[in-house]
Amino acid sequence: MQKAIDSPIIRFGSIVGVAFLATCIAIFSFNLFAPPRPLAQLLPTRTATRRPPPTITPVAYPPTPQLYSKDDLRAQKNFPKASGVNLGYEYTQDGYLLTPPLDPGFVRVLDMSFTNPDYRNLSLDAVAAPAENSSNVEYGLVFWHGENEQGRESFLAFTLNTKGNFRLLAYEPVEDKPDVYQFREVTPAAFSAAIRQDKSPQKIRVDVHPRRLLGYVNDQLVLDTNAEIINDWRLRREWDGKVGIIALTMDAPGAQAVFSQFDIYADVKE
């Protein structure tokens, strides 16, 4: 036993073992008391990647149909005259004046020169404003008109008002009540900064195509809708395609709107 301990090989192995154990203890002590490295040094470095810019899909707007007629509302030929008769509409030196009565609360007038329903695309472009002494008033464009054999009328109207709101309306008979009519909001009233709330003239435009309608105020798009009613009404038997203008009372009597321009664009077939 003593000879085994005195063996050079055993003593060398013991010395190596003790040195290895001392080294492990020293390394452990160093890692225990050394401050941790910053987290950024522990994370792998990522190579910066250049992402392509997002692709913007342009919105396709249908082209404007050909000009059918331009009317500055001074020739007194396309809209009905009402000189000396209180019907809520008349030609004046400023244009065509609409004065909606309190009952039924609106007045609409159709352009007598546009009677061809054989078209698919329509653009109406008008200039209008509240009359000088008018109370709050709503006014705009009439289109997609129809009237059946019993004289029951229906139409759509794109309107704006002096409080800065616009909306799309459907005028139609009430079901099961042939003598009762209603205005229904196809799109609810919404505010637009494009609408001037003073009494300066406003440019009003509507582009109507199968399954799509665009509404503009002062050259700004404020309405883009594909409501089913746009195409459904055009396919009705009573469809006649007439167009015109409209004014509605709001919260007080004395509402008036004057139109100084009314232009029609349509792809009417020869």
Protein backbone atom coordinates (compact mmCIF):
# COMPACT_ATOMS: atom_id res chain seq x y z
CA MET A 1 0.00 0.00 0.00
CA GLN A 2 2.79 2.42 0.89
CA LYS A 3 4.53 1.57 -2.35
CA ALA A 4 1.39 2.42 -4.34
CA ILE A 5 1.15 5.81 -2.66
CA ASP A 6 4.84 6.50 -3.26
CA SER A 7 4.45 5.63 -6.93
CA PRO A 8 5.35 8.61 -9.20
CA ILE A 9 2.34 7.96 -11.43
CA ILE A 10 -0.11 8.10 -8.53
CA ARG A 11 1.47 11.26 -7.13
CA PHE A 12 1.39 12.95 -10.55
CA GLY A 13 -2.28 12.03 -11.00
CA SER A 14 -3.11 13.41 -7.57
CA ILE A 15 -1.36 16.69 -8.31
CA VAL A 16 -3.23 17.02 -11.66
CA GLY A 17 -6.55 16.26 -9.98
CA VAL A 18 -5.98 18.84 -7.23
CA ALA A 19 -4.94 21.46 -9.85
CA PHE A 20 -8.05 20.77 -11.95
CA LEU A 21 -10.30 21.07 -8.91
CA ALA A 22 -8.61 24.36 -7.91
CA THR A 23 -9.09 25.71 -11.47
CA CYS A 24 -12.82 24.88 -11.44
CA ILE A 25 -13.25 26.58 -8.07
CA ALA A 26 -11.42 29.68 -9.36
CA ILE A 27 -13.54 29.89 -12.54
CA PHE A 28 -16.76 29.49 -10.56
CA SER A 29 -15.70 32.20 -8.12
CA PHE A 30 -14.83 34.58 -10.99
CA ASN A 31 -18.25 34.11 -12.70
CA LEU A 32 -20.03 34.50 -9.40
CA PHE A 33 -18.53 37.90 -8.54
CA ALA A 34 -18.02 39.31 -12.03
CA PRO A 35 -20.79 41.80 -13.20
CA PRO A 36 -23.18 40.44 -15.87
CA ARG A 37 -22.65 41.45 -19.48
CA PRO A 38 -25.14 43.81 -21.11
CA LEU A 39 -28.19 42.11 -22.61
CA ALA A 40 -27.37 43.49 -26.06
CA GLN A 41 -24.11 41.50 -26.04
CA LEU A 42 -26.00 38.29 -25.36
CA LEU A 43 -28.51 38.75 -28.21
CA PRO A 44 -27.51 37.75 -31.72
CA THR A 45 -26.84 40.62 -34.09
CA ARG A 46 -29.50 40.80 -36.82
CA THR A 47 -28.76 42.02 -40.27
CA ALA A 48 -30.98 44.95 -41.18
CA THR A 49 -33.49 44.05 -43.88
CA ARG A 50 -34.96 46.57 -46.29
CA ARG A 51 -38.67 46.08 -46.66
CA PRO A 52 -40.36 47.18 -49.88
CA PRO A 53 -42.89 50.04 -49.54
CA PRO A 54 -46.56 48.98 -49.34
CA THR A 55 -48.38 48.71 -52.62
CA ILE A 56 -51.22 51.26 -52.94
CA THR A 57 -54.02 50.08 -55.18
CA PRO A 58 -55.51 53.05 -57.04
CA VAL A 59 -59.28 53.46 -56.94
CA ALA A 60 -60.80 53.30 -60.40
CA TYR A 61 -63.41 55.97 -60.98
CA PRO A 62 -65.78 55.46 -63.89
CA PRO A 63 -65.34 58.02 -66.66
CA THR A 64 -67.75 60.92 -66.98
CA PRO A 65 -70.30 60.34 -69.77
CA GLN A 66 -70.64 62.76 -72.65
CA LEU A 67 -72.26 66.14 -72.09
CA TYR A 68 -75.98 66.08 -72.80
CA SER A 69 -76.96 69.66 -71.86
CA LYS A 70 -75.67 72.73 -70.01
CA ASP A 71 -78.14 75.11 -68.39
CA ASP A 72 -77.33 78.34 -66.56
CA LEU A 73 -81.06 78.57 -65.70
CA ARG A 74 -81.53 81.92 -67.43
CA ALA A 75 -83.06 80.80 -70.73
CA GLN A 76 -86.21 79.55 -68.92
CA LYS A 77 -86.69 76.53 -71.15
CA ASN A 78 -85.77 73.29 -69.34
CA PHE A 79 -87.67 73.68 -66.06
CA PRO A 80 -91.35 74.58 -65.59
CA LYS A 81 -92.32 78.24 -65.23
CA ALA A 82 -94.60 79.41 -62.46
CA SER A 83 -95.01 83.15 -62.96
CA GLY A 84 -97.67 84.53 -60.65
CA VAL A 85 -98.44 81.12 -59.16
CA ASN A 86 -97.24 80.04 -55.74
CA LEU A 87 -96.04 76.51 -56.52
CA GLY A 88 -92.72 76.57 -54.72
CA TYR A 89 -90.55 77.05 -57.83
CA GLU A 90 -89.86 79.94 -60.22
CA TYR A 91 -87.23 81.57 -62.39
CA THR A 92 -85.59 84.66 -60.87
CA GLN A 93 -82.75 86.96 -61.89
CA ASP A 94 -80.38 84.82 -59.80
CA GLY A 95 -81.44 81.46 -61.23
CA TYR A 96 -84.12 78.93 -60.37
CA LEU A 97 -85.62 79.40 -56.89
CA LEU A 98 -87.11 76.55 -54.86
CA THR A 99 -89.30 77.36 -51.85
CA PRO A 100 -90.41 74.14 -50.11
CA PRO A 101 -93.77 74.43 -48.34
CA LEU A 102 -94.16 73.27 -44.75
CA ASP A 103 -96.46 70.53 -46.02
CA PRO A 104 -95.22 68.18 -47.47
CA GLY A 105 -91.90 69.79 -46.53
CA PHE A 106 -90.15 69.62 -49.89
CA VAL A 107 -90.41 70.68 -53.51
CA ARG A 108 -88.83 68.85 -56.42
CA VAL A 109 -88.73 69.89 -60.07
CA LEU A 110 -87.77 67.73 -63.06
CA ASP A 111 -85.84 68.81 -66.15
CA MET A 112 -88.37 68.66 -69.00
CA SER A 113 -85.68 68.30 -71.70
CA PHE A 114 -84.25 65.00 -70.43
CA THR A 115 -86.77 62.25 -71.07
CA ASN A 116 -84.74 59.44 -72.63
CA PRO A 117 -84.33 56.58 -70.14
CA ASP A 118 -82.05 54.60 -72.44
CA TYR A 119 -78.76 55.09 -70.58
CA ARG A 120 -76.67 53.38 -67.92
CA ASN A 121 -74.30 56.08 -66.69
CA LEU A 122 -75.32 59.53 -65.49
CA SER A 123 -73.56 62.58 -64.07
CA LEU A 124 -75.35 65.67 -62.76
CA ASP A 125 -73.37 68.82 -61.99
CA ALA A 126 -75.08 71.78 -60.33
CA VAL A 127 -74.34 75.01 -58.49
CA ALA A 128 -76.73 76.06 -55.74
CA ALA A 129 -76.93 78.07 -52.53
CA PRO A 130 -79.43 79.10 -49.87
CA ALA A 131 -81.38 82.22 -50.82
CA GLU A 132 -80.30 85.44 -49.12
CA ASN A 133 -82.98 85.44 -46.42
CA SER A 134 -83.44 81.68 -46.16
CA SER A 135 -83.68 79.73 -42.95
CA ASN A 136 -81.81 76.45 -42.70
CA VAL A 137 -82.44 74.51 -45.90
CA GLU A 138 -81.52 71.17 -47.48
CA TYR A 139 -81.11 70.99 -51.25
CA GLY A 140 -79.61 68.85 -53.97
CA LEU A 141 -80.10 66.65 -57.04
CA VAL A 142 -82.89 64.26 -58.07
CA PHE A 143 -82.18 61.19 -60.23
CA TRP A 144 -83.18 57.52 -60.80
CA HIS A 145 -86.76 58.71 -61.14
CA GLY A 146 -89.76 56.50 -61.83
CA GLU A 147 -93.54 56.78 -61.95
CA ASN A 148 -95.96 53.92 -62.49
CA GLU A 149 -99.36 53.87 -64.20
CA GLN A 150 -101.09 54.89 -60.98
CA GLY A 151 -98.88 57.97 -60.70
CA ARG A 152 -96.90 56.62 -57.74
CA GLU A 153 -93.55 58.34 -57.85
CA SER A 154 -90.11 57.32 -56.63
CA PHE A 155 -86.65 58.83 -56.94
CA LEU A 156 -83.25 59.15 -55.29
CA ALA A 157 -81.80 62.44 -54.08
CA PHE A 158 -78.28 63.47 -53.09
CA THR A 159 -78.55 66.49 -50.79
CA LEU A 160 -76.58 68.77 -48.49
CA ASN A 161 -77.72 71.34 -45.95
CA THR A 162 -76.69 74.57 -44.26
CA LYS A 163 -75.45 72.68 -41.19
CA GLY A 164 -72.71 70.93 -43.17
CA ASN A 165 -74.33 67.51 -43.60
CA PHE A 166 -75.02 65.44 -46.70
CA ARG A 167 -77.06 62.29 -47.29
CA LEU A 168 -78.57 60.00 -49.93
CA LEU A 169 -82.37 59.75 -49.81
CA ALA A 170 -84.95 57.46 -51.38
CA TYR A 171 -88.44 58.87 -51.92
CA GLU A 172 -90.98 56.08 -52.29
CA PRO A 173 -94.53 55.03 -51.42
CA VAL A 174 -95.13 53.39 -48.06
CA GLU A 175 -96.04 49.72 -48.39
CA ASP A 176 -99.78 49.02 -48.14
CA LYS A 177 -100.46 52.77 -48.13
CA PRO A 178 -100.59 53.88 -51.77
CA ASP A 179 -101.27 57.53 -50.96
CA VAL A 180 -98.54 57.86 -48.33
CA TYR A 181 -94.91 58.56 -49.23
CA GLN A 182 -91.70 58.70 -47.23
CA PHE A 183 -88.08 59.78 -47.43
CA ARG A 184 -85.77 56.95 -46.40
CA GLU A 185 -82.06 57.43 -45.77
CA VAL A 186 -80.02 55.16 -48.02
CA THR A 187 -76.92 56.58 -46.37
CA PRO A 188 -77.34 58.45 -43.05
CA ALA A 189 -76.60 62.14 -42.74
CA ALA A 190 -72.88 62.80 -42.28
CA PHE A 191 -70.86 65.95 -41.76
CA SER A 192 -68.30 67.09 -44.32
CA ALA A 193 -65.86 69.98 -44.07
CA ALA A 194 -66.22 70.36 -47.85
CA ILE A 195 -69.68 71.89 -47.33
CA ARG A 196 -69.55 75.64 -46.73
CA GLN A 197 -71.84 76.66 -43.89
CA ASP A 198 -72.29 80.20 -45.12
CA LYS A 199 -74.59 81.10 -48.01
CA SER A 200 -71.97 81.02 -50.74
CA PRO A 201 -72.66 78.80 -53.80
CA GLN A 202 -71.88 75.10 -53.54
CA LYS A 203 -70.90 72.77 -56.35
CA ILE A 204 -72.92 69.57 -56.14
CA ARG A 205 -72.19 66.57 -58.32
CA VAL A 206 -73.42 63.02 -58.47
CA ASP A 207 -72.10 60.21 -60.70
CA VAL A 208 -74.45 57.24 -60.92
CA HIS A 209 -73.46 53.95 -62.51
CA PRO A 210 -74.88 50.44 -62.22
CA ARG A 211 -74.07 49.27 -58.69
CA ARG A 212 -72.07 52.39 -57.79
CA LEU A 213 -72.75 56.00 -56.85
CA LEU A 214 -70.27 58.81 -56.21
CA GLY A 215 -71.22 62.12 -54.60
CA TYR A 216 -69.08 65.28 -54.66
CA VAL A 217 -69.33 68.62 -52.89
CA ASN A 218 -67.10 71.45 -54.08
CA ASP A 219 -64.98 68.97 -56.07
CA GLN A 220 -64.35 66.74 -53.05
CA LEU A 221 -65.59 63.14 -52.97
CA VAL A 222 -67.83 62.71 -49.92
CA LEU A 223 -69.85 59.62 -50.84
CA ASP A 224 -68.97 56.33 -52.54
CA THR A 225 -71.57 53.60 -52.18
CA ASN A 226 -72.71 50.42 -53.92
CA ALA A 227 -76.09 50.18 -52.22
CA GLU A 228 -78.38 47.65 -53.90
CA ILE A 229 -81.05 50.28 -54.49
CA ILE A 230 -78.84 51.99 -57.08
CA ASN A 231 -79.12 49.15 -59.56
CA ASP A 232 -82.48 47.74 -58.44
CA TRP A 233 -84.42 50.93 -59.12
CA ARG A 234 -82.93 51.29 -62.58
CA LEU A 235 -84.40 47.90 -63.51
CA ARG A 236 -87.93 48.69 -62.35
CA ARG A 237 -90.79 48.71 -64.83
CA GLU A 238 -91.78 52.28 -63.87
CA TRP A 239 -88.26 53.60 -64.44
CA ASP A 240 -88.20 56.72 -66.63
CA GLY A 241 -84.75 58.10 -65.79
CA LYS A 242 -85.80 61.74 -65.34
CA VAL A 243 -83.59 64.11 -63.34
CA GLY A 244 -84.04 67.38 -61.49
CA ILE A 245 -83.47 69.40 -58.33
CA ILE A 246 -84.97 69.41 -54.84
CA ALA A 247 -85.19 71.54 -51.68
CA LEU A 248 -86.44 70.51 -48.23
CA THR A 249 -87.39 72.43 -45.10
CA MET A 250 -85.43 71.73 -41.93
CA ASP A 251 -86.19 73.33 -38.57
CA ALA A 252 -88.01 76.56 -39.48
CA PRO A 253 -90.27 78.01 -42.17
CA GLY A 254 -88.83 80.27 -44.87
CA ALA A 255 -86.37 77.79 -46.41
CA GLN A 256 -85.25 78.64 -49.95
CA ALA A 257 -82.52 77.44 -52.31
CA VAL A 258 -81.50 78.97 -55.63
CA PHE A 259 -79.84 76.97 -58.41
CA SER A 260 -77.64 78.82 -60.90
CA GLN A 261 -76.29 75.89 -62.96
CA PHE A 262 -77.57 72.43 -63.92
CA ASP A 263 -75.57 70.26 -66.32
CA ILE A 264 -76.37 66.72 -67.47
CA TYR A 265 -73.86 64.12 -68.68
CA ALA A 266 -75.24 60.79 -69.92
CA ASP A 267 -74.41 58.01 -72.36
CA VAL A 268 -77.82 58.24 -74.03
CA LYS A 269 -78.06 56.01 -77.10
CA GLU A 270 -79.08 57.57 -80.39
